[in-house]
Amino acid sequence: MVHPMTLLLSTPEETVEFGRRLGTLLRAGDLVLLAGPLGAGKTVLTRGIAAGLGVSGRVSSPTFVLARTHPAGERGVPLVHVDAYRLGGDLAQLDDLDLDTDLEAAAVVVEWGEGSAERLSPDHLVVRLDRREDDVREVRLEPHGSWVSRVQEIQSASGRSGG
């Protein structure tokens, strides 16, 4: 088992930049689950991921629409951004979103999906964000399946390590 990688991000700009670097490594079929309390920076991180993928459209939390697809840019990989908060772990509603089909052609980022969305693929990355009292975000990467070997790519792209 690989040890999770931990990063400290001091500002929203650093969170976006880390997301951008992660986004440059994503490809169609990748599943990333974002976990953490309200205000931890999940949507901010997703903005960075979208920038790294080069997708079109403004990234905002899809809480009310549940899922939003951002068309592919120059890299040719669209982003499906899901906010599963309102689903409350309801697997039937998650199935209704047809994410397994999306996963074939897009990178899929799911906020609040831990406990249900990981069943879409054994190969997924959990990004756990926690907001400390000093407003610094502690980011813990928990790789599963093929992501275990890919964490090295993230470490190289981020230029930081920890944990």
C-alpha atoms as a PDB file:
ATOM      1  CA  MET A   1       0.000   0.000   0.000  1.00  0.00           C
ATOM      2  CA  VAL A   2       1.287   3.437  -0.896  1.00  0.00           C
ATOM      3  CA  HIS A   3       1.317   6.169   1.715  1.00  0.00           C
ATOM      4  CA  PRO A   4      -1.098   8.980   0.945  1.00  0.00           C
ATOM      5  CA  MET A   5       0.506  12.187  -0.248  1.00  0.00           C
ATOM      6  CA  THR A   6      -0.215  15.334   1.766  1.00  0.00           C
ATOM      7  CA  LEU A   7       0.090  18.954   0.622  1.00  0.00           C
ATOM      8  CA  LEU A   8      -0.510  22.268   2.336  1.00  0.00           C
ATOM      9  CA  LEU A   9      -2.114  25.010   0.229  1.00  0.00           C
ATOM     10  CA  SER A  10      -2.083  28.469   1.812  1.00  0.00           C
ATOM     11  CA  THR A  11      -4.330  30.389  -0.586  1.00  0.00           C
ATOM     12  CA  PRO A  12      -7.197  29.781  -3.011  1.00  0.00           C
ATOM     13  CA  GLU A  13      -4.721  30.583  -5.806  1.00  0.00           C
ATOM     14  CA  GLU A  14      -2.463  27.740  -4.646  1.00  0.00           C
ATOM     15  CA  THR A  15      -5.490  25.442  -4.604  1.00  0.00           C
ATOM     16  CA  VAL A  16      -6.360  26.422  -8.182  1.00  0.00           C
ATOM     17  CA  GLU A  17      -2.735  25.940  -9.252  1.00  0.00           C
ATOM     18  CA  PHE A  18      -2.530  22.479  -7.689  1.00  0.00           C
ATOM     19  CA  GLY A  19      -5.805  21.591  -9.424  1.00  0.00           C
ATOM     20  CA  ARG A  20      -4.400  22.880 -12.724  1.00  0.00           C
ATOM     21  CA  ARG A  21      -1.352  20.638 -12.390  1.00  0.00           C
ATOM     22  CA  LEU A  22      -3.565  17.675 -11.507  1.00  0.00           C
ATOM     23  CA  GLY A  23      -5.807  18.489 -14.481  1.00  0.00           C
ATOM     24  CA  THR A  24      -2.857  18.336 -16.883  1.00  0.00           C
ATOM     25  CA  LEU A  25      -2.376  14.699 -15.844  1.00  0.00           C
ATOM     26  CA  LEU A  26      -6.011  13.615 -16.197  1.00  0.00           C
ATOM     27  CA  ARG A  27      -7.274  11.649 -19.163  1.00  0.00           C
ATOM     28  CA  ALA A  28     -10.582  10.198 -20.276  1.00  0.00           C
ATOM     29  CA  GLY A  29     -11.651   7.464 -17.880  1.00  0.00           C
ATOM     30  CA  ASP A  30     -10.184   9.099 -14.785  1.00  0.00           C
ATOM     31  CA  LEU A  31     -12.337   9.333 -11.671  1.00  0.00           C
ATOM     32  CA  VAL A  32     -11.453  11.828  -8.945  1.00  0.00           C
ATOM     33  CA  LEU A  33     -13.506  12.025  -5.739  1.00  0.00           C
ATOM     34  CA  LEU A  34     -13.309  15.217  -3.693  1.00  0.00           C
ATOM     35  CA  ALA A  35     -14.036  14.872   0.019  1.00  0.00           C
ATOM     36  CA  GLY A  36     -14.152  17.474   2.760  1.00  0.00           C
ATOM     37  CA  PRO A  37     -16.489  19.753   4.668  1.00  0.00           C
ATOM     38  CA  LEU A  38     -18.331  22.746   3.239  1.00  0.00           C
ATOM     39  CA  GLY A  39     -15.884  25.521   2.411  1.00  0.00           C
ATOM     40  CA  ALA A  40     -12.852  23.229   2.187  1.00  0.00           C
ATOM     41  CA  GLY A  41     -12.132  24.185  -1.424  1.00  0.00           C
ATOM     42  CA  LYS A  42     -13.587  21.347  -3.513  1.00  0.00           C
ATOM     43  CA  THR A  43     -15.086  23.609  -6.181  1.00  0.00           C
ATOM     44  CA  VAL A  44     -12.006  25.861  -6.185  1.00  0.00           C
ATOM     45  CA  LEU A  45      -9.858  22.778  -6.798  1.00  0.00           C
ATOM     46  CA  THR A  46     -12.206  21.716  -9.608  1.00  0.00           C
ATOM     47  CA  ARG A  47     -11.732  25.127 -11.267  1.00  0.00           C
ATOM     48  CA  GLY A  48      -8.026  24.384 -11.384  1.00  0.00           C
ATOM     49  CA  ILE A  49      -8.613  20.869 -12.734  1.00  0.00           C
ATOM     50  CA  ALA A  50     -10.784  22.359 -15.488  1.00  0.00           C
ATOM     51  CA  ALA A  51      -8.024  24.837 -16.346  1.00  0.00           C
ATOM     52  CA  GLY A  52      -5.481  22.013 -16.543  1.00  0.00           C
ATOM     53  CA  LEU A  53      -7.776  20.055 -18.841  1.00  0.00           C
ATOM     54  CA  GLY A  54      -8.395  23.189 -20.915  1.00  0.00           C
ATOM     55  CA  VAL A  55     -12.166  22.655 -20.959  1.00  0.00           C
ATOM     56  CA  SER A  56     -14.762  25.262 -21.877  1.00  0.00           C
ATOM     57  CA  GLY A  57     -17.232  26.933 -19.564  1.00  0.00           C
ATOM     58  CA  ARG A  58     -17.253  28.518 -16.144  1.00  0.00           C
ATOM     59  CA  VAL A  59     -16.858  26.076 -13.274  1.00  0.00           C
ATOM     60  CA  SER A  60     -19.277  26.502 -10.399  1.00  0.00           C
ATOM     61  CA  SER A  61     -20.722  24.039  -7.950  1.00  0.00           C
ATOM     62  CA  PRO A  62     -23.385  21.944  -9.716  1.00  0.00           C
ATOM     63  CA  THR A  63     -25.322  21.412  -6.474  1.00  0.00           C
ATOM     64  CA  PHE A  64     -28.748  22.045  -7.994  1.00  0.00           C
ATOM     65  CA  VAL A  65     -28.181  20.439 -11.397  1.00  0.00           C
ATOM     66  CA  LEU A  66     -26.112  17.602  -9.833  1.00  0.00           C
ATOM     67  CA  ALA A  67     -23.817  17.261 -12.866  1.00  0.00           C
ATOM     68  CA  ARG A  68     -22.370  19.648 -15.390  1.00  0.00           C
ATOM     69  CA  THR A  69     -20.373  18.679 -18.492  1.00  0.00           C
ATOM     70  CA  HIS A  70     -17.623  21.003 -19.681  1.00  0.00           C
ATOM     71  CA  PRO A  71     -16.765  20.397 -23.362  1.00  0.00           C
ATOM     72  CA  ALA A  72     -13.251  19.324 -24.270  1.00  0.00           C
ATOM     73  CA  GLY A  73     -10.674  21.909 -25.211  1.00  0.00           C
ATOM     74  CA  GLU A  74      -7.399  21.399 -27.058  1.00  0.00           C
ATOM     75  CA  ARG A  75      -6.484  18.312 -25.013  1.00  0.00           C
ATOM     76  CA  GLY A  76      -9.669  16.573 -26.165  1.00  0.00           C
ATOM     77  CA  VAL A  77     -10.815  15.483 -22.693  1.00  0.00           C
ATOM     78  CA  PRO A  78     -14.154  16.806 -21.429  1.00  0.00           C
ATOM     79  CA  LEU A  79     -14.840  17.229 -17.716  1.00  0.00           C
ATOM     80  CA  VAL A  80     -17.959  15.960 -15.973  1.00  0.00           C
ATOM     81  CA  HIS A  81     -18.283  17.791 -12.637  1.00  0.00           C
ATOM     82  CA  VAL A  82     -20.731  16.196 -10.203  1.00  0.00           C
ATOM     83  CA  ASP A  83     -21.925  17.445  -6.831  1.00  0.00           C
ATOM     84  CA  ALA A  84     -23.461  14.463  -5.055  1.00  0.00           C
ATOM     85  CA  TYR A  85     -24.259  16.363  -1.844  1.00  0.00           C
ATOM     86  CA  ARG A  86     -28.044  16.307  -2.374  1.00  0.00           C
ATOM     87  CA  LEU A  87     -27.992  12.605  -3.227  1.00  0.00           C
ATOM     88  CA  GLY A  88     -27.035  11.702   0.338  1.00  0.00           C
ATOM     89  CA  GLY A  89     -25.424   8.458  -0.801  1.00  0.00           C
ATOM     90  CA  ASP A  90     -28.515   7.333  -2.763  1.00  0.00           C
ATOM     91  CA  LEU A  91     -26.959   4.882  -5.226  1.00  0.00           C
ATOM     92  CA  ALA A  92     -30.062   4.748  -7.437  1.00  0.00           C
ATOM     93  CA  GLN A  93     -29.934   8.503  -8.029  1.00  0.00           C
ATOM     94  CA  LEU A  94     -26.207   8.288  -8.714  1.00  0.00           C
ATOM     95  CA  ASP A  95     -26.920   5.527 -11.247  1.00  0.00           C
ATOM     96  CA  ASP A  96     -29.502   7.787 -12.915  1.00  0.00           C
ATOM     97  CA  LEU A  97     -26.691  10.230 -13.729  1.00  0.00           C
ATOM     98  CA  ASP A  98     -25.159   7.522 -15.979  1.00  0.00           C
ATOM     99  CA  LEU A  99     -21.626   8.407 -14.879  1.00  0.00           C
ATOM    100  CA  ASP A 100     -20.227   5.039 -15.929  1.00  0.00           C
ATOM    101  CA  THR A 101     -20.969   6.031 -19.535  1.00  0.00           C
ATOM    102  CA  ASP A 102     -19.450   9.490 -19.016  1.00  0.00           C
ATOM    103  CA  LEU A 103     -16.379   7.895 -17.502  1.00  0.00           C
ATOM    104  CA  GLU A 104     -15.530   6.208 -20.802  1.00  0.00           C
ATOM    105  CA  ALA A 105     -15.028   9.523 -22.617  1.00  0.00           C
ATOM    106  CA  ALA A 106     -14.365  12.126 -19.930  1.00  0.00           C
ATOM    107  CA  ALA A 107     -12.534  12.864 -16.722  1.00  0.00           C
ATOM    108  CA  VAL A 108     -15.127  12.752 -13.935  1.00  0.00           C
ATOM    109  CA  VAL A 109     -14.763  14.784 -10.732  1.00  0.00           C
ATOM    110  CA  VAL A 110     -17.312  14.039  -8.002  1.00  0.00           C
ATOM    111  CA  GLU A 111     -17.736  16.275  -4.966  1.00  0.00           C
ATOM    112  CA  TRP A 112     -19.340  14.556  -1.970  1.00  0.00           C
ATOM    113  CA  GLY A 113     -19.189  11.180  -3.740  1.00  0.00           C
ATOM    114  CA  GLU A 114     -17.192   9.214  -1.214  1.00  0.00           C
ATOM    115  CA  GLY A 115     -19.066   6.111  -0.100  1.00  0.00           C
ATOM    116  CA  SER A 116     -20.893   5.688  -3.398  1.00  0.00           C
ATOM    117  CA  ALA A 117     -19.087   7.014  -6.480  1.00  0.00           C
ATOM    118  CA  GLU A 118     -15.922   4.972  -5.990  1.00  0.00           C
ATOM    119  CA  ARG A 119     -17.837   1.923  -7.160  1.00  0.00           C
ATOM    120  CA  LEU A 120     -17.795   3.443 -10.673  1.00  0.00           C
ATOM    121  CA  SER A 121     -14.159   2.392 -11.008  1.00  0.00           C
ATOM    122  CA  PRO A 122     -11.618   0.568  -8.855  1.00  0.00           C
ATOM    123  CA  ASP A 123      -9.100   3.040 -10.314  1.00  0.00           C
ATOM    124  CA  HIS A 124      -9.820   6.359  -8.634  1.00  0.00           C
ATOM    125  CA  LEU A 125      -8.177   9.109  -6.660  1.00  0.00           C
ATOM    126  CA  VAL A 126      -9.683  10.473  -3.459  1.00  0.00           C
ATOM    127  CA  VAL A 127      -8.623  14.050  -2.749  1.00  0.00           C
ATOM    128  CA  ARG A 128      -9.436  14.890   0.859  1.00  0.00           C
ATOM    129  CA  LEU A 129      -9.457  18.615   1.668  1.00  0.00           C
ATOM    130  CA  ASP A 130      -9.538  19.989   5.180  1.00  0.00           C
ATOM    131  CA  ARG A 131      -9.577  23.655   6.116  1.00  0.00           C
ATOM    132  CA  ARG A 132      -7.397  24.329   9.136  1.00  0.00           C
ATOM    133  CA  GLU A 133      -8.005  27.113  11.668  1.00  0.00           C
ATOM    134  CA  ASP A 134      -5.282  29.215   9.991  1.00  0.00           C
ATOM    135  CA  ASP A 135      -7.255  28.925   6.696  1.00  0.00           C
ATOM    136  CA  VAL A 136      -4.579  26.706   5.129  1.00  0.00           C
ATOM    137  CA  ARG A 137      -5.971  23.741   3.186  1.00  0.00           C
ATOM    138  CA  GLU A 138      -4.498  20.369   3.993  1.00  0.00           C
ATOM    139  CA  VAL A 139      -4.881  18.148   0.946  1.00  0.00           C
ATOM    140  CA  ARG A 140      -4.463  14.402   1.248  1.00  0.00           C
ATOM    141  CA  LEU A 141      -4.324  12.263  -1.899  1.00  0.00           C
ATOM    142  CA  GLU A 142      -5.518   8.671  -1.463  1.00  0.00           C
ATOM    143  CA  PRO A 143      -4.857   6.614  -4.607  1.00  0.00           C
ATOM    144  CA  HIS A 144      -6.688   3.401  -5.505  1.00  0.00           C
ATOM    145  CA  GLY A 145      -5.948   0.911  -8.282  1.00  0.00           C
ATOM    146  CA  SER A 146      -3.858   2.365 -11.116  1.00  0.00           C
ATOM    147  CA  TRP A 147      -3.673   5.682  -9.264  1.00  0.00           C
ATOM    148  CA  VAL A 148      -1.178   4.122  -6.830  1.00  0.00           C
ATOM    149  CA  SER A 149       1.548   4.346  -9.487  1.00  0.00           C
ATOM    150  CA  ARG A 150       0.269   7.663 -10.849  1.00  0.00           C
ATOM    151  CA  VAL A 151       0.701   9.483  -7.531  1.00  0.00           C
ATOM    152  CA  GLN A 152       4.361   9.874  -8.493  1.00  0.00           C
ATOM    153  CA  GLU A 153       3.237  11.919 -11.525  1.00  0.00           C
ATOM    154  CA  ILE A 154       1.243  14.190  -9.230  1.00  0.00           C
ATOM    155  CA  GLN A 155       4.167  14.537  -6.861  1.00  0.00           C
ATOM    156  CA  SER A 156       6.461  15.486  -9.756  1.00  0.00           C
ATOM    157  CA  ALA A 157       3.912  17.929 -11.193  1.00  0.00           C
ATOM    158  CA  SER A 158       3.285  19.566  -7.836  1.00  0.00           C
ATOM    159  CA  GLY A 159       6.914  19.837  -6.843  1.00  0.00           C
ATOM    160  CA  ARG A 160       5.916  19.133  -3.234  1.00  0.00           C
ATOM    161  CA  SER A 161       5.605  16.144  -1.047  1.00  0.00           C
ATOM    162  CA  GLY A 162       4.650  15.394   2.458  1.00  0.00           C
ATOM    163  CA  GLY A 163       2.851  12.956   4.687  1.00  0.00           C
END
